[in-house]
Amino acid sequence: MKRYVYIIFLLASSSLQAQRIPSFGLNKVRITAPGRTIVTEITPSAVSSLHSDRIYYWYGGNTIHNTQGGYSGKLLHGKYEEYYTDKSLKEQGEFDSGLKDGLWRSWQESGALAELVNWQHGIKEGDFTFYDEQGQPRQSGRYADNLLEGKVLIYHGGDSVETVRYKHGQIVSNTLKTPSLWQKVKAIHWLHKRDSIQSTTATPPAVKPKKIKKQKNEASKVNAS
């Protein structure tokens, strides 16, 4: 009798423990909300030391929360994928104890890229690119310790590119390079000239032999006279 009671106790304990585990597998959650679906991993372990200047992402109440310098629930840890209603990707990346880490990608609803941003434990660190609605780059550069650093390129469409130089997040110089009409015409003229030279060198014209003029002997002229 005691044996059967012990088995029932074990089954009841395992049932209670299973209720604490997310329904989408071990340490995974799946959240369906209006306009999006999220599939992500969580960690049951707690973090003792927190950074007050960083945003932590955590799971609680069947939703994803983000708070600065703290959390309440299970921290996101591992792969993160967010989808549109048509199951196309919206955002993809990885978390490390609630902090974004590594390369994060996001897409527009059309499927075109929206952003590429590198993170390091909740801090923007490394190259980034922002894209327009057509999936063409509109801004690219680099972050260092969450601040813009070095050369940042801003694409205004066509041939116009603005170069902004940053130092610790502050602008130190700004230049806009747009080819003038004369530069474009000159470039087209140079291309035509280059093509004509290449075609000439590829098929050189036939060289006609020179005619050798006969020179009259001065002595014969005297005899004839």
N, C-alpha and C. Protein backbone atom coordinates (compact mmCIF):
# COMPACT_ATOMS: atom_id res chain seq x y z
N MET A 1 0.84 -1.20 0.00
CA MET A 1 0.00 0.00 0.00
C MET A 1 0.87 1.26 0.00
N LYS A 2 1.92 1.23 0.84
CA LYS A 2 2.82 2.37 0.88
C LYS A 2 3.49 2.59 -0.48
N ARG A 3 3.75 1.47 -1.19
CA ARG A 3 4.39 1.58 -2.50
C ARG A 3 3.50 2.31 -3.49
N TYR A 4 2.21 2.00 -3.51
CA TYR A 4 1.28 2.67 -4.42
C TYR A 4 1.13 4.15 -4.08
N VAL A 5 1.12 4.46 -2.79
CA VAL A 5 1.04 5.86 -2.38
C VAL A 5 2.27 6.63 -2.85
N TYR A 6 3.43 6.02 -2.76
CA TYR A 6 4.68 6.65 -3.20
C TYR A 6 4.69 6.91 -4.70
N ILE A 7 4.16 5.93 -5.49
CA ILE A 7 4.08 6.10 -6.95
C ILE A 7 3.14 7.25 -7.30
N ILE A 8 1.98 7.31 -6.60
CA ILE A 8 1.02 8.39 -6.85
C ILE A 8 1.64 9.74 -6.52
N PHE A 9 2.42 9.78 -5.42
CA PHE A 9 3.09 11.02 -5.03
C PHE A 9 4.09 11.47 -6.09
N LEU A 10 4.84 10.53 -6.67
CA LEU A 10 5.80 10.86 -7.72
C LEU A 10 5.10 11.38 -8.96
N LEU A 11 4.00 10.75 -9.34
CA LEU A 11 3.26 11.20 -10.53
C LEU A 11 2.70 12.61 -10.31
N ALA A 12 2.19 12.84 -9.12
CA ALA A 12 1.65 14.17 -8.82
C ALA A 12 2.73 15.22 -8.83
N SER A 13 3.91 14.89 -8.30
CA SER A 13 5.03 15.84 -8.28
C SER A 13 5.52 16.15 -9.67
N SER A 14 5.63 15.13 -10.52
CA SER A 14 6.08 15.35 -11.90
C SER A 14 5.07 16.15 -12.68
N SER A 15 3.76 15.96 -12.37
CA SER A 15 2.72 16.73 -13.04
C SER A 15 2.81 18.20 -12.69
N LEU A 16 3.05 18.50 -11.38
CA LEU A 16 3.20 19.89 -10.96
C LEU A 16 4.43 20.52 -11.57
N GLN A 17 5.52 19.75 -11.69
CA GLN A 17 6.75 20.28 -12.27
C GLN A 17 6.57 20.55 -13.76
N ALA A 18 5.82 19.68 -14.46
CA ALA A 18 5.60 19.87 -15.89
C ALA A 18 4.81 21.14 -16.15
N GLN A 19 3.94 21.53 -15.21
CA GLN A 19 3.15 22.75 -15.41
C GLN A 19 4.03 24.00 -15.34
N ARG A 20 5.15 23.89 -14.66
CA ARG A 20 6.05 25.03 -14.56
C ARG A 20 6.91 25.19 -15.80
N ILE A 21 7.06 24.12 -16.60
CA ILE A 21 7.87 24.17 -17.81
C ILE A 21 7.03 24.74 -18.96
N PRO A 22 7.54 25.65 -19.77
CA PRO A 22 6.78 26.20 -20.90
C PRO A 22 6.23 25.10 -21.80
N SER A 23 5.09 25.37 -22.40
CA SER A 23 4.39 24.35 -23.18
C SER A 23 5.10 24.02 -24.49
N PHE A 24 6.03 24.86 -24.93
CA PHE A 24 6.68 24.64 -26.22
C PHE A 24 8.05 23.98 -26.03
N GLY A 25 8.11 22.98 -25.17
CA GLY A 25 9.36 22.25 -24.99
C GLY A 25 10.16 22.79 -23.82
N LEU A 26 11.26 22.11 -23.52
CA LEU A 26 12.09 22.46 -22.37
C LEU A 26 12.77 23.81 -22.60
N ASN A 27 12.53 24.74 -21.66
CA ASN A 27 13.15 26.07 -21.70
C ASN A 27 12.83 26.84 -22.98
N LYS A 28 11.68 26.58 -23.57
CA LYS A 28 11.24 27.31 -24.76
C LYS A 28 9.82 27.80 -24.55
N VAL A 29 9.51 28.94 -25.16
CA VAL A 29 8.16 29.47 -25.12
C VAL A 29 7.73 29.90 -26.52
N ARG A 30 6.45 29.81 -26.73
CA ARG A 30 5.86 30.27 -28.00
C ARG A 30 4.69 31.18 -27.64
N ILE A 31 4.75 32.41 -28.13
CA ILE A 31 3.73 33.41 -27.82
C ILE A 31 3.07 33.86 -29.10
N THR A 32 1.78 33.78 -29.13
CA THR A 32 1.00 34.26 -30.29
C THR A 32 0.22 35.48 -29.87
N ALA A 33 0.50 36.60 -30.51
CA ALA A 33 -0.16 37.87 -30.21
C ALA A 33 -0.66 38.47 -31.51
N PRO A 34 -1.55 39.46 -31.45
CA PRO A 34 -2.04 40.11 -32.67
C PRO A 34 -0.91 40.66 -33.53
N GLY A 35 -0.76 40.16 -34.75
CA GLY A 35 0.23 40.67 -35.68
C GLY A 35 1.59 40.03 -35.58
N ARG A 36 1.82 39.12 -34.62
CA ARG A 36 3.14 38.53 -34.50
C ARG A 36 3.11 37.24 -33.71
N THR A 37 4.14 36.43 -33.93
CA THR A 37 4.36 35.20 -33.17
C THR A 37 5.82 35.17 -32.75
N ILE A 38 6.07 34.83 -31.48
CA ILE A 38 7.43 34.81 -30.95
C ILE A 38 7.78 33.40 -30.50
N VAL A 39 8.93 32.93 -30.91
CA VAL A 39 9.48 31.66 -30.43
C VAL A 39 10.85 31.96 -29.85
N THR A 40 11.03 31.68 -28.57
CA THR A 40 12.29 32.03 -27.92
C THR A 40 12.63 31.03 -26.82
N GLU A 41 13.85 31.13 -26.33
CA GLU A 41 14.32 30.28 -25.25
C GLU A 41 14.50 31.12 -23.99
N ILE A 42 14.35 30.47 -22.84
CA ILE A 42 14.50 31.16 -21.56
C ILE A 42 15.46 30.36 -20.68
N THR A 43 15.88 31.00 -19.60
CA THR A 43 16.76 30.32 -18.64
C THR A 43 16.11 30.32 -17.27
N PRO A 44 16.12 29.17 -16.58
CA PRO A 44 15.54 29.13 -15.23
C PRO A 44 16.46 29.73 -14.17
N SER A 45 17.72 29.96 -14.53
CA SER A 45 18.67 30.48 -13.54
C SER A 45 18.56 31.99 -13.42
N ALA A 46 18.91 32.49 -12.24
CA ALA A 46 18.83 33.92 -11.97
C ALA A 46 20.19 34.58 -12.17
N VAL A 47 20.15 35.90 -12.34
CA VAL A 47 21.38 36.69 -12.50
C VAL A 47 21.56 37.53 -11.24
N SER A 48 22.71 37.40 -10.61
CA SER A 48 22.95 38.12 -9.36
C SER A 48 23.30 39.58 -9.58
N SER A 49 24.21 39.83 -10.53
CA SER A 49 24.65 41.21 -10.79
C SER A 49 23.99 41.74 -12.05
N LEU A 50 23.37 42.89 -11.95
CA LEU A 50 22.66 43.50 -13.07
C LEU A 50 23.32 44.83 -13.44
N HIS A 51 23.24 45.18 -14.73
CA HIS A 51 23.75 46.46 -15.23
C HIS A 51 22.59 47.45 -15.31
N SER A 52 22.73 48.55 -14.62
CA SER A 52 21.63 49.53 -14.57
C SER A 52 21.42 50.26 -15.89
N ASP A 53 22.43 50.23 -16.79
CA ASP A 53 22.31 50.97 -18.05
C ASP A 53 21.86 50.08 -19.21
N ARG A 54 21.47 48.83 -18.95
CA ARG A 54 21.13 47.91 -20.03
C ARG A 54 19.69 47.41 -19.92
N ILE A 55 19.13 47.07 -21.08
CA ILE A 55 17.74 46.62 -21.16
C ILE A 55 17.71 45.10 -21.08
N TYR A 56 16.96 44.57 -20.11
CA TYR A 56 16.80 43.13 -19.93
C TYR A 56 15.45 42.68 -20.48
N TYR A 57 15.47 41.58 -21.21
CA TYR A 57 14.25 41.00 -21.78
C TYR A 57 13.91 39.73 -21.00
N TRP A 58 12.65 39.62 -20.57
CA TRP A 58 12.25 38.48 -19.75
C TRP A 58 10.82 38.06 -20.05
N TYR A 59 10.53 36.83 -19.66
CA TYR A 59 9.23 36.22 -19.94
C TYR A 59 8.41 36.12 -18.66
N GLY A 60 7.14 36.55 -18.76
CA GLY A 60 6.23 36.44 -17.63
C GLY A 60 4.81 36.76 -18.05
N GLY A 61 3.84 36.01 -17.54
CA GLY A 61 2.45 36.25 -17.89
C GLY A 61 2.16 36.00 -19.36
N ASN A 62 2.89 35.03 -19.94
CA ASN A 62 2.73 34.66 -21.35
C ASN A 62 3.01 35.83 -22.30
N THR A 63 3.95 36.67 -21.94
CA THR A 63 4.36 37.75 -22.82
C THR A 63 5.82 38.09 -22.56
N ILE A 64 6.42 38.87 -23.47
CA ILE A 64 7.82 39.28 -23.34
C ILE A 64 7.86 40.73 -22.83
N HIS A 65 8.63 40.95 -21.79
CA HIS A 65 8.79 42.28 -21.21
C HIS A 65 10.23 42.73 -21.37
N ASN A 66 10.45 44.04 -21.30
CA ASN A 66 11.82 44.57 -21.27
C ASN A 66 11.87 45.74 -20.30
N THR A 67 12.85 45.69 -19.41
CA THR A 67 13.01 46.73 -18.40
C THR A 67 14.49 47.04 -18.25
N GLN A 68 14.77 48.27 -17.87
CA GLN A 68 16.16 48.70 -17.70
C GLN A 68 16.65 48.36 -16.30
N GLY A 69 17.78 47.63 -16.27
CA GLY A 69 18.43 47.37 -15.00
C GLY A 69 17.80 46.33 -14.11
N GLY A 70 16.76 45.61 -14.58
CA GLY A 70 16.12 44.61 -13.73
C GLY A 70 15.12 43.76 -14.50
N TYR A 71 14.55 42.77 -13.81
CA TYR A 71 13.58 41.88 -14.44
C TYR A 71 12.78 41.17 -13.37
N SER A 72 11.68 40.53 -13.77
CA SER A 72 10.86 39.72 -12.88
C SER A 72 10.25 38.61 -13.71
N GLY A 73 10.77 37.41 -13.57
CA GLY A 73 10.32 36.29 -14.38
C GLY A 73 11.51 35.48 -14.87
N LYS A 74 11.42 34.96 -16.06
CA LYS A 74 12.49 34.16 -16.65
C LYS A 74 13.19 34.96 -17.74
N LEU A 75 14.50 35.11 -17.61
CA LEU A 75 15.26 35.86 -18.62
C LEU A 75 15.33 35.09 -19.93
N LEU A 76 15.25 35.84 -21.03
CA LEU A 76 15.43 35.21 -22.34
C LEU A 76 16.90 34.83 -22.48
N HIS A 77 17.12 33.61 -22.99
CA HIS A 77 18.50 33.12 -23.10
C HIS A 77 18.55 32.11 -24.25
N GLY A 78 19.26 32.47 -25.32
CA GLY A 78 19.33 31.60 -26.50
C GLY A 78 18.67 32.25 -27.70
N LYS A 79 18.20 31.43 -28.61
CA LYS A 79 17.65 31.93 -29.86
C LYS A 79 16.32 32.65 -29.66
N TYR A 80 16.14 33.69 -30.48
CA TYR A 80 14.89 34.46 -30.49
C TYR A 80 14.46 34.66 -31.93
N GLU A 81 13.20 34.33 -32.21
CA GLU A 81 12.65 34.54 -33.56
C GLU A 81 11.24 35.09 -33.44
N GLU A 82 11.00 36.14 -34.21
CA GLU A 82 9.67 36.76 -34.25
C GLU A 82 9.16 36.75 -35.69
N TYR A 83 7.86 36.43 -35.85
CA TYR A 83 7.28 36.25 -37.18
C TYR A 83 6.08 37.18 -37.37
N TYR A 84 5.85 37.54 -38.64
CA TYR A 84 4.61 38.23 -39.01
C TYR A 84 3.48 37.21 -39.05
N THR A 85 2.26 37.70 -39.29
CA THR A 85 1.10 36.80 -39.32
C THR A 85 1.17 35.79 -40.45
N ASP A 86 1.90 36.13 -41.54
CA ASP A 86 2.04 35.18 -42.65
C ASP A 86 3.23 34.25 -42.46
N LYS A 87 3.80 34.21 -41.24
CA LYS A 87 4.91 33.33 -40.85
C LYS A 87 6.25 33.73 -41.46
N SER A 88 6.33 34.91 -42.05
CA SER A 88 7.63 35.40 -42.54
C SER A 88 8.38 36.05 -41.39
N LEU A 89 9.72 35.98 -41.44
CA LEU A 89 10.53 36.48 -40.35
C LEU A 89 10.41 38.00 -40.18
N LYS A 90 10.34 38.41 -38.91
CA LYS A 90 10.32 39.83 -38.58
C LYS A 90 11.60 40.24 -37.86
N GLU A 91 12.08 39.38 -36.94
CA GLU A 91 13.30 39.67 -36.19
C GLU A 91 13.96 38.37 -35.76
N GLN A 92 15.30 38.38 -35.71
CA GLN A 92 16.03 37.16 -35.37
C GLN A 92 17.34 37.53 -34.68
N GLY A 93 17.65 36.82 -33.59
CA GLY A 93 18.90 37.07 -32.89
C GLY A 93 19.05 36.13 -31.71
N GLU A 94 19.95 36.48 -30.80
CA GLU A 94 20.19 35.66 -29.62
C GLU A 94 20.30 36.53 -28.38
N PHE A 95 19.88 35.94 -27.24
CA PHE A 95 19.99 36.60 -25.95
C PHE A 95 21.01 35.87 -25.09
N ASP A 96 21.68 36.62 -24.24
CA ASP A 96 22.59 36.06 -23.25
C ASP A 96 22.17 36.59 -21.89
N SER A 97 21.45 35.74 -21.13
CA SER A 97 20.95 36.13 -19.81
C SER A 97 20.14 37.42 -19.86
N GLY A 98 19.21 37.48 -20.83
CA GLY A 98 18.31 38.62 -20.94
C GLY A 98 18.82 39.78 -21.75
N LEU A 99 20.08 39.71 -22.22
CA LEU A 99 20.69 40.81 -22.98
C LEU A 99 20.91 40.39 -24.43
N LYS A 100 20.65 41.30 -25.36
CA LYS A 100 20.92 41.02 -26.77
C LYS A 100 22.41 40.82 -26.98
N ASP A 101 22.74 39.81 -27.79
CA ASP A 101 24.15 39.48 -27.99
C ASP A 101 24.35 38.96 -29.42
N GLY A 102 25.42 39.41 -30.07
CA GLY A 102 25.70 38.97 -31.43
C GLY A 102 24.95 39.78 -32.47
N LEU A 103 24.87 39.24 -33.67
CA LEU A 103 24.21 39.93 -34.78
C LEU A 103 22.70 39.75 -34.71
N TRP A 104 21.98 40.88 -34.76
CA TRP A 104 20.52 40.86 -34.79
C TRP A 104 20.06 41.37 -36.15
N ARG A 105 19.10 40.65 -36.72
CA ARG A 105 18.53 41.01 -38.03
C ARG A 105 17.04 41.27 -37.88
N SER A 106 16.55 42.25 -38.64
CA SER A 106 15.10 42.48 -38.70
C SER A 106 14.71 42.73 -40.15
N TRP A 107 13.47 42.32 -40.47
CA TRP A 107 12.96 42.40 -41.83
C TRP A 107 11.66 43.20 -41.86
N GLN A 108 11.40 43.80 -43.01
CA GLN A 108 10.13 44.46 -43.23
C GLN A 108 9.09 43.40 -43.62
N GLU A 109 7.84 43.80 -43.60
CA GLU A 109 6.78 42.84 -43.92
C GLU A 109 6.88 42.34 -45.34
N SER A 110 7.51 43.13 -46.23
CA SER A 110 7.70 42.72 -47.61
C SER A 110 8.78 41.66 -47.77
N GLY A 111 9.57 41.45 -46.72
CA GLY A 111 10.68 40.51 -46.80
C GLY A 111 12.02 41.19 -46.97
N ALA A 112 12.02 42.49 -47.26
CA ALA A 112 13.27 43.23 -47.42
C ALA A 112 13.90 43.48 -46.04
N LEU A 113 15.22 43.55 -46.02
CA LEU A 113 15.92 43.81 -44.77
C LEU A 113 15.54 45.18 -44.20
N ALA A 114 15.50 45.27 -42.89
CA ALA A 114 15.23 46.54 -42.22
C ALA A 114 16.46 47.01 -41.44
N GLU A 115 17.09 46.09 -40.68
CA GLU A 115 18.25 46.46 -39.86
C GLU A 115 19.20 45.29 -39.70
N LEU A 116 20.48 45.60 -39.61
CA LEU A 116 21.52 44.68 -39.17
C LEU A 116 22.32 45.40 -38.09
N VAL A 117 22.28 44.88 -36.87
CA VAL A 117 22.95 45.54 -35.76
C VAL A 117 23.69 44.50 -34.92
N ASN A 118 24.93 44.80 -34.57
CA ASN A 118 25.72 43.92 -33.71
C ASN A 118 25.62 44.38 -32.26
N TRP A 119 25.44 43.39 -31.37
CA TRP A 119 25.33 43.65 -29.94
C TRP A 119 26.37 42.84 -29.17
N GLN A 120 26.73 43.35 -28.01
CA GLN A 120 27.64 42.63 -27.11
C GLN A 120 27.14 42.80 -25.68
N HIS A 121 26.42 41.77 -25.19
CA HIS A 121 25.88 41.77 -23.83
C HIS A 121 25.07 43.04 -23.55
N GLY A 122 24.12 43.31 -24.45
CA GLY A 122 23.20 44.42 -24.24
C GLY A 122 23.70 45.78 -24.67
N ILE A 123 24.91 45.82 -25.27
CA ILE A 123 25.48 47.08 -25.74
C ILE A 123 25.70 46.98 -27.25
N LYS A 124 25.31 48.03 -27.98
CA LYS A 124 25.58 48.05 -29.42
C LYS A 124 27.08 48.18 -29.64
N GLU A 125 27.63 47.21 -30.35
CA GLU A 125 29.08 47.15 -30.54
C GLU A 125 29.38 46.55 -31.91
N GLY A 126 29.98 47.35 -32.81
CA GLY A 126 30.34 46.84 -34.12
C GLY A 126 29.52 47.47 -35.24
N ASP A 127 29.59 46.85 -36.40
CA ASP A 127 28.96 47.40 -37.61
C ASP A 127 27.44 47.34 -37.54
N PHE A 128 26.81 48.29 -38.23
CA PHE A 128 25.35 48.30 -38.37
C PHE A 128 24.98 48.83 -39.74
N THR A 129 23.79 48.46 -40.21
CA THR A 129 23.23 48.97 -41.47
C THR A 129 21.72 49.08 -41.32
N PHE A 130 21.18 50.23 -41.68
CA PHE A 130 19.74 50.44 -41.74
C PHE A 130 19.32 50.52 -43.21
N TYR A 131 18.16 49.94 -43.53
CA TYR A 131 17.71 49.84 -44.92
C TYR A 131 16.40 50.59 -45.12
N ASP A 132 16.16 51.01 -46.38
CA ASP A 132 14.91 51.69 -46.71
C ASP A 132 13.84 50.65 -47.08
N GLU A 133 12.69 51.12 -47.55
CA GLU A 133 11.57 50.22 -47.85
C GLU A 133 11.88 49.26 -48.99
N GLN A 134 12.80 49.64 -49.87
CA GLN A 134 13.19 48.77 -50.99
C GLN A 134 14.33 47.83 -50.63
N GLY A 135 14.78 47.87 -49.39
CA GLY A 135 15.87 47.01 -48.98
C GLY A 135 17.24 47.53 -49.37
N GLN A 136 17.33 48.82 -49.71
CA GLN A 136 18.61 49.43 -50.06
C GLN A 136 19.18 50.15 -48.83
N PRO A 137 20.51 50.10 -48.64
CA PRO A 137 21.10 50.75 -47.46
C PRO A 137 20.79 52.25 -47.44
N ARG A 138 20.38 52.75 -46.28
CA ARG A 138 20.15 54.19 -46.11
C ARG A 138 21.11 54.79 -45.09
N GLN A 139 21.71 53.92 -44.25
CA GLN A 139 22.70 54.39 -43.28
C GLN A 139 23.53 53.21 -42.81
N SER A 140 24.84 53.42 -42.74
CA SER A 140 25.73 52.36 -42.28
C SER A 140 26.90 52.97 -41.53
N GLY A 141 27.41 52.21 -40.57
CA GLY A 141 28.53 52.70 -39.78
C GLY A 141 28.90 51.71 -38.71
N ARG A 142 29.34 52.24 -37.56
CA ARG A 142 29.84 51.38 -36.48
C ARG A 142 29.51 52.00 -35.13
N TYR A 143 29.16 51.12 -34.19
CA TYR A 143 28.95 51.51 -32.80
C TYR A 143 30.15 51.07 -31.96
N ALA A 144 30.48 51.86 -30.96
CA ALA A 144 31.49 51.49 -29.97
C ALA A 144 30.94 51.87 -28.60
N ASP A 145 30.70 50.87 -27.77
CA ASP A 145 30.14 51.10 -26.43
C ASP A 145 28.83 51.88 -26.50
N ASN A 146 27.96 51.45 -27.42
CA ASN A 146 26.61 52.02 -27.58
C ASN A 146 26.59 53.41 -28.20
N LEU A 147 27.74 53.90 -28.67
CA LEU A 147 27.82 55.23 -29.28
C LEU A 147 28.35 55.12 -30.70
N LEU A 148 27.88 56.01 -31.57
CA LEU A 148 28.40 56.06 -32.93
C LEU A 148 29.87 56.45 -32.91
N GLU A 149 30.66 55.73 -33.71
CA GLU A 149 32.09 55.96 -33.71
C GLU A 149 32.64 55.83 -35.13
N GLY A 150 33.45 56.82 -35.54
CA GLY A 150 34.07 56.78 -36.86
C GLY A 150 33.15 57.27 -37.95
N LYS A 151 33.36 56.73 -39.14
CA LYS A 151 32.64 57.21 -40.33
C LYS A 151 31.26 56.56 -40.45
N VAL A 152 30.22 57.37 -40.60
CA VAL A 152 28.86 56.91 -40.83
C VAL A 152 28.40 57.43 -42.18
N LEU A 153 27.95 56.53 -43.03
CA LEU A 153 27.50 56.90 -44.37
C LEU A 153 25.98 56.98 -44.40
N ILE A 154 25.47 58.09 -44.95
CA ILE A 154 24.03 58.29 -45.10
C ILE A 154 23.73 58.42 -46.59
N TYR A 155 22.93 57.51 -47.11
CA TYR A 155 22.64 57.46 -48.54
C TYR A 155 21.33 58.20 -48.81
N HIS A 156 21.43 59.25 -49.67
CA HIS A 156 20.27 60.09 -49.96
C HIS A 156 19.61 59.72 -51.28
N GLY A 157 19.99 58.60 -51.86
CA GLY A 157 19.42 58.19 -53.14
C GLY A 157 20.25 58.71 -54.29
N GLY A 158 20.22 57.97 -55.40
CA GLY A 158 21.03 58.37 -56.54
C GLY A 158 22.51 58.21 -56.22
N ASP A 159 23.27 59.28 -56.48
CA ASP A 159 24.70 59.25 -56.23
C ASP A 159 25.12 60.04 -55.00
N SER A 160 24.15 60.56 -54.24
CA SER A 160 24.46 61.42 -53.11
C SER A 160 24.74 60.58 -51.86
N VAL A 161 25.92 60.77 -51.29
CA VAL A 161 26.30 60.07 -50.07
C VAL A 161 26.86 61.10 -49.08
N GLU A 162 26.27 61.14 -47.90
CA GLU A 162 26.73 62.04 -46.86
C GLU A 162 27.62 61.27 -45.89
N THR A 163 28.78 61.81 -45.62
CA THR A 163 29.72 61.18 -44.69
C THR A 163 29.78 62.00 -43.41
N VAL A 164 29.41 61.37 -42.32
CA VAL A 164 29.43 62.04 -41.01
C VAL A 164 30.42 61.28 -40.12
N ARG A 165 31.35 61.99 -39.56
CA ARG A 165 32.35 61.36 -38.67
C ARG A 165 32.00 61.65 -37.21
N TYR A 166 32.01 60.56 -36.42
CA TYR A 166 31.66 60.67 -35.00
C TYR A 166 32.86 60.30 -34.13
N LYS A 167 32.88 60.88 -32.94
CA LYS A 167 33.84 60.50 -31.92
C LYS A 167 33.09 60.46 -30.59
N HIS A 168 32.94 59.26 -30.05
CA HIS A 168 32.21 59.04 -28.80
C HIS A 168 30.79 59.60 -28.90
N GLY A 169 30.16 59.37 -30.07
CA GLY A 169 28.78 59.79 -30.24
C GLY A 169 28.58 61.23 -30.65
N GLN A 170 29.66 62.01 -30.78
CA GLN A 170 29.56 63.41 -31.15
C GLN A 170 30.08 63.62 -32.58
N ILE A 171 29.38 64.46 -33.34
CA ILE A 171 29.79 64.73 -34.73
C ILE A 171 31.03 65.62 -34.73
N VAL A 172 32.03 65.19 -35.51
CA VAL A 172 33.26 65.99 -35.64
C VAL A 172 33.42 66.57 -37.04
N SER A 173 32.78 65.97 -38.04
CA SER A 173 32.82 66.52 -39.40
C SER A 173 31.66 65.96 -40.20
N ASN A 174 31.30 66.71 -41.25
CA ASN A 174 30.15 66.33 -42.07
C ASN A 174 30.38 66.80 -43.50
N THR A 175 30.35 65.87 -44.46
CA THR A 175 30.53 66.23 -45.87
C THR A 175 29.49 65.51 -46.71
N LEU A 176 29.04 66.19 -47.75
CA LEU A 176 28.07 65.63 -48.69
C LEU A 176 28.71 65.59 -50.07
N LYS A 177 28.82 64.41 -50.64
CA LYS A 177 29.42 64.25 -51.96
C LYS A 177 28.34 63.92 -52.98
N THR A 178 28.15 64.89 -53.93
CA THR A 178 27.19 64.69 -55.01
C THR A 178 27.87 65.05 -56.32
N PRO A 179 28.04 64.13 -57.25
CA PRO A 179 28.68 64.46 -58.53
C PRO A 179 27.88 65.52 -59.29
N SER A 180 28.60 66.53 -59.81
CA SER A 180 27.94 67.58 -60.58
C SER A 180 27.59 67.07 -61.98
N LEU A 181 26.78 67.87 -62.70
CA LEU A 181 26.39 67.49 -64.06
C LEU A 181 27.61 67.41 -64.96
N TRP A 182 28.56 68.37 -64.79
CA TRP A 182 29.77 68.37 -65.61
C TRP A 182 30.60 67.11 -65.34
N GLN A 183 30.67 66.67 -64.06
CA GLN A 183 31.41 65.46 -63.73
C GLN A 183 30.78 64.23 -64.36
N LYS A 184 29.43 64.20 -64.38
CA LYS A 184 28.75 63.06 -65.00
C LYS A 184 28.99 63.03 -66.51
N VAL A 185 28.89 64.24 -67.17
CA VAL A 185 29.13 64.31 -68.61
C VAL A 185 30.57 63.94 -68.94
N LYS A 186 31.50 64.41 -68.11
CA LYS A 186 32.91 64.10 -68.32
C LYS A 186 33.17 62.61 -68.17
N ALA A 187 32.49 61.99 -67.21
CA ALA A 187 32.65 60.56 -67.01
C ALA A 187 32.11 59.77 -68.20
N ILE A 188 30.95 60.20 -68.74
CA ILE A 188 30.38 59.54 -69.91
C ILE A 188 31.30 59.69 -71.11
N HIS A 189 31.85 60.91 -71.29
CA HIS A 189 32.77 61.16 -72.41
C HIS A 189 34.01 60.27 -72.29
N TRP A 190 34.51 60.13 -71.06
CA TRP A 190 35.69 59.30 -70.85
C TRP A 190 35.40 57.83 -71.16
N LEU A 191 34.20 57.37 -70.80
CA LEU A 191 33.83 55.98 -71.09
C LEU A 191 33.74 55.73 -72.58
N HIS A 192 33.15 56.70 -73.33
CA HIS A 192 33.06 56.56 -74.79
C HIS A 192 34.45 56.55 -75.41
N LYS A 193 35.31 57.43 -74.91
CA LYS A 193 36.67 57.51 -75.44
C LYS A 193 37.43 56.22 -75.16
N ARG A 194 37.24 55.67 -73.97
CA ARG A 194 37.91 54.42 -73.61
C ARG A 194 37.43 53.28 -74.50
N ASP A 195 36.11 53.23 -74.73
CA ASP A 195 35.56 52.16 -75.57
C ASP A 195 36.08 52.26 -76.99
N SER A 196 36.19 53.51 -77.51
CA SER A 196 36.68 53.67 -78.88
C SER A 196 38.14 53.28 -78.99
N ILE A 197 38.93 53.59 -77.94
CA ILE A 197 40.34 53.20 -77.95
C ILE A 197 40.49 51.69 -77.90
N GLN A 198 39.66 51.06 -77.07
CA GLN A 198 39.73 49.61 -76.96
C GLN A 198 39.34 48.92 -78.27
N SER A 199 38.32 49.45 -78.94
CA SER A 199 37.91 48.86 -80.21
C SER A 199 38.97 49.07 -81.28
N THR A 200 39.67 50.20 -81.23
CA THR A 200 40.72 50.48 -82.21
C THR A 200 41.91 49.56 -82.00
N THR A 201 42.30 49.37 -80.77
CA THR A 201 43.44 48.51 -80.49
C THR A 201 43.11 47.04 -80.72
N ALA A 202 41.84 46.70 -80.62
CA ALA A 202 41.47 45.30 -80.83
C ALA A 202 41.57 44.92 -82.29
N THR A 203 41.16 45.82 -83.20
CA THR A 203 41.22 45.54 -84.64
C THR A 203 41.98 46.66 -85.32
N PRO A 204 43.30 46.60 -85.37
CA PRO A 204 44.09 47.67 -85.98
C PRO A 204 43.86 47.71 -87.48
N PRO A 205 43.82 48.91 -88.07
CA PRO A 205 43.60 49.04 -89.51
C PRO A 205 44.79 48.52 -90.31
N ALA A 206 44.49 48.05 -91.52
CA ALA A 206 45.56 47.55 -92.38
C ALA A 206 46.44 48.70 -92.85
N VAL A 207 47.74 48.47 -92.85
CA VAL A 207 48.70 49.50 -93.24
C VAL A 207 49.08 49.29 -94.70
N LYS A 208 48.83 50.32 -95.49
CA LYS A 208 49.16 50.24 -96.91
C LYS A 208 50.66 50.46 -97.12
N PRO A 209 51.27 49.70 -98.04
CA PRO A 209 52.71 49.88 -98.28
C PRO A 209 52.99 51.23 -98.92
N LYS A 210 54.07 51.85 -98.48
CA LYS A 210 54.42 53.16 -99.00
C LYS A 210 55.01 53.02 -100.40
N LYS A 211 54.64 53.98 -101.27
CA LYS A 211 55.19 54.01 -102.62
C LYS A 211 56.57 54.65 -102.61
N ILE A 212 57.51 53.98 -103.24
CA ILE A 212 58.89 54.49 -103.30
C ILE A 212 59.07 55.25 -104.61
N LYS A 213 59.34 56.56 -104.46
CA LYS A 213 59.52 57.40 -105.65
C LYS A 213 60.91 57.20 -106.22
N LYS A 214 60.94 57.05 -107.53
CA LYS A 214 62.23 56.89 -108.21
C LYS A 214 62.89 58.24 -108.39
N GLN A 215 64.12 58.31 -107.99
CA GLN A 215 64.89 59.55 -108.14
C GLN A 215 65.64 59.54 -109.47
N LYS A 216 65.53 60.63 -110.18
CA LYS A 216 66.24 60.75 -111.48
C LYS A 216 67.70 61.01 -111.26
N ASN A 217 68.46 60.37 -112.05
CA ASN A 217 69.90 60.55 -111.97
C ASN A 217 70.26 61.89 -112.57
N GLU A 218 70.96 62.69 -111.79
CA GLU A 218 71.35 64.03 -112.25
C GLU A 218 72.30 63.92 -113.47
N ALA A 219 73.08 62.90 -113.47
CA ALA A 219 74.02 62.74 -114.60
C ALA A 219 73.30 62.49 -115.89
N SER A 220 72.23 61.72 -115.84
CA SER A 220 71.46 61.44 -117.06
C SER A 220 70.78 62.69 -117.58
N LYS A 221 70.41 63.61 -116.61
CA LYS A 221 69.79 64.87 -117.03
C LYS A 221 70.77 65.67 -117.86
N VAL A 222 72.04 65.71 -117.42
CA VAL A 222 73.06 66.49 -118.14
C VAL A 222 73.30 65.91 -119.53
N ASN A 223 73.36 64.60 -119.64
CA ASN A 223 73.56 63.95 -120.94
C ASN A 223 72.45 64.20 -121.88
N ALA A 224 71.26 64.24 -121.33
CA ALA A 224 70.10 64.43 -122.18
C ALA A 224 70.07 65.82 -122.73
N SER A 225 70.56 66.79 -121.92
CA SER A 225 70.58 68.16 -122.40
C SER A 225 71.72 68.37 -123.34
